[in-house]
Amino acid sequence: MSQPSAIELPAPAAKQLGVPATGKAKVRYADNRRASRTVVENVRVDLLGRHGNFRAIVEPRRPTQRARLFLVG
């Protein structure tokens, strides 16, 4: 059974990768702030011998420049 997943990608990484923007997504943070963020597609992740292509939400002001993968479900 596959689970839905989401990736948060820092804006500088999205720009460097050249992934295409496909729209906007509304997000809600743990402190209940809400925002609209750009969504990009074709983000390929290789991890432990496996890979997948994902959509990602671009985070423009992330203090750490790491991509984060969330498994939901």
C-alpha atoms as a PDB file:
ATOM      1  CA  MET A   1       0.000   0.000   0.000  1.00  0.00           C
ATOM      2  CA  SER A   2       1.491   3.353  -0.955  1.00  0.00           C
ATOM      3  CA  GLN A   3       1.131   6.363   1.278  1.00  0.00           C
ATOM      4  CA  PRO A   4       0.698   9.980   0.180  1.00  0.00           C
ATOM      5  CA  SER A   5       3.752  12.126   0.742  1.00  0.00           C
ATOM      6  CA  ALA A   6       4.795  15.732   0.533  1.00  0.00           C
ATOM      7  CA  ILE A   7       8.108  17.498   0.137  1.00  0.00           C
ATOM      8  CA  GLU A   8       9.025  20.935   1.391  1.00  0.00           C
ATOM      9  CA  LEU A   9      11.762  22.407  -0.781  1.00  0.00           C
ATOM     10  CA  PRO A  10      13.700  25.599   0.026  1.00  0.00           C
ATOM     11  CA  ALA A  11      13.312  28.267  -2.685  1.00  0.00           C
ATOM     12  CA  PRO A  12      17.064  28.388  -3.534  1.00  0.00           C
ATOM     13  CA  ALA A  13      17.056  24.605  -4.110  1.00  0.00           C
ATOM     14  CA  ALA A  14      13.955  24.788  -6.345  1.00  0.00           C
ATOM     15  CA  LYS A  15      15.587  27.545  -8.381  1.00  0.00           C
ATOM     16  CA  GLN A  16      18.867  25.631  -8.715  1.00  0.00           C
ATOM     17  CA  LEU A  17      17.053  22.441  -9.777  1.00  0.00           C
ATOM     18  CA  GLY A  18      14.968  24.338 -12.333  1.00  0.00           C
ATOM     19  CA  VAL A  19      11.765  22.475 -11.464  1.00  0.00           C
ATOM     20  CA  PRO A  20       8.625  23.882 -13.119  1.00  0.00           C
ATOM     21  CA  ALA A  21       6.055  25.738 -11.015  1.00  0.00           C
ATOM     22  CA  THR A  22       2.568  24.310 -11.507  1.00  0.00           C
ATOM     23  CA  GLY A  23       0.398  26.335  -9.166  1.00  0.00           C
ATOM     24  CA  LYS A  24      -0.212  27.415  -5.598  1.00  0.00           C
ATOM     25  CA  ALA A  25      -1.128  25.561  -2.409  1.00  0.00           C
ATOM     26  CA  LYS A  26      -2.575  26.849   0.836  1.00  0.00           C
ATOM     27  CA  VAL A  27      -0.539  25.700   3.835  1.00  0.00           C
ATOM     28  CA  ARG A  28      -1.100  25.807   7.587  1.00  0.00           C
ATOM     29  CA  TYR A  29       1.832  25.768   9.993  1.00  0.00           C
ATOM     30  CA  ALA A  30       1.953  24.190  13.466  1.00  0.00           C
ATOM     31  CA  ASP A  31       1.428  27.632  15.048  1.00  0.00           C
ATOM     32  CA  ASN A  32      -1.756  28.042  12.920  1.00  0.00           C
ATOM     33  CA  ARG A  33      -0.280  30.621  10.538  1.00  0.00           C
ATOM     34  CA  ARG A  34      -1.600  30.230   7.005  1.00  0.00           C
ATOM     35  CA  ALA A  35       0.094  31.071   3.719  1.00  0.00           C
ATOM     36  CA  SER A  36      -0.018  30.454  -0.026  1.00  0.00           C
ATOM     37  CA  ARG A  37       3.050  28.686  -1.444  1.00  0.00           C
ATOM     38  CA  THR A  38       4.251  27.760  -4.928  1.00  0.00           C
ATOM     39  CA  VAL A  39       3.975  24.103  -5.954  1.00  0.00           C
ATOM     40  CA  VAL A  40       6.603  22.547  -8.246  1.00  0.00           C
ATOM     41  CA  GLU A  41       6.630  19.173  -9.997  1.00  0.00           C
ATOM     42  CA  ASN A  42       9.169  16.589 -11.108  1.00  0.00           C
ATOM     43  CA  VAL A  43      11.289  16.678  -7.961  1.00  0.00           C
ATOM     44  CA  ARG A  44      13.194  13.388  -8.023  1.00  0.00           C
ATOM     45  CA  VAL A  45      14.301  11.915  -4.692  1.00  0.00           C
ATOM     46  CA  ASP A  46      16.845   9.069  -4.514  1.00  0.00           C
ATOM     47  CA  LEU A  47      17.152   7.483  -1.074  1.00  0.00           C
ATOM     48  CA  LEU A  48      18.530   4.122   0.032  1.00  0.00           C
ATOM     49  CA  GLY A  49      18.432   2.615  -3.440  1.00  0.00           C
ATOM     50  CA  ARG A  50      14.871   3.734  -4.178  1.00  0.00           C
ATOM     51  CA  HIS A  51      13.578   6.753  -6.049  1.00  0.00           C
ATOM     52  CA  GLY A  52      10.410   8.633  -6.825  1.00  0.00           C
ATOM     53  CA  ASN A  53       9.163  11.806  -8.506  1.00  0.00           C
ATOM     54  CA  PHE A  54       7.151  14.165  -6.331  1.00  0.00           C
ATOM     55  CA  ARG A  55       5.372  17.472  -6.176  1.00  0.00           C
ATOM     56  CA  ALA A  56       6.911  19.855  -3.668  1.00  0.00           C
ATOM     57  CA  ILE A  57       5.839  22.978  -1.818  1.00  0.00           C
ATOM     58  CA  VAL A  58       8.419  25.745  -2.100  1.00  0.00           C
ATOM     59  CA  GLU A  59       9.238  27.422   1.216  1.00  0.00           C
ATOM     60  CA  PRO A  60      10.728  30.877   0.471  1.00  0.00           C
ATOM     61  CA  ARG A  61      12.090  31.739   3.918  1.00  0.00           C
ATOM     62  CA  ARG A  62      13.228  28.441   5.392  1.00  0.00           C
ATOM     63  CA  PRO A  63      16.037  29.139   7.929  1.00  0.00           C
ATOM     64  CA  THR A  64      17.740  25.821   7.173  1.00  0.00           C
ATOM     65  CA  GLN A  65      18.396  24.940   3.551  1.00  0.00           C
ATOM     66  CA  ARG A  66      17.284  21.305   3.694  1.00  0.00           C
ATOM     67  CA  ALA A  67      14.484  19.595   1.843  1.00  0.00           C
ATOM     68  CA  ARG A  68      12.039  17.778   4.113  1.00  0.00           C
ATOM     69  CA  LEU A  69       9.969  14.740   3.191  1.00  0.00           C
ATOM     70  CA  PHE A  70       6.720  14.028   5.041  1.00  0.00           C
ATOM     71  CA  LEU A  71       4.895  10.724   4.948  1.00  0.00           C
ATOM     72  CA  VAL A  72       1.207  11.223   5.581  1.00  0.00           C
ATOM     73  CA  GLY A  73      -1.372   8.593   6.351  1.00  0.00           C
END
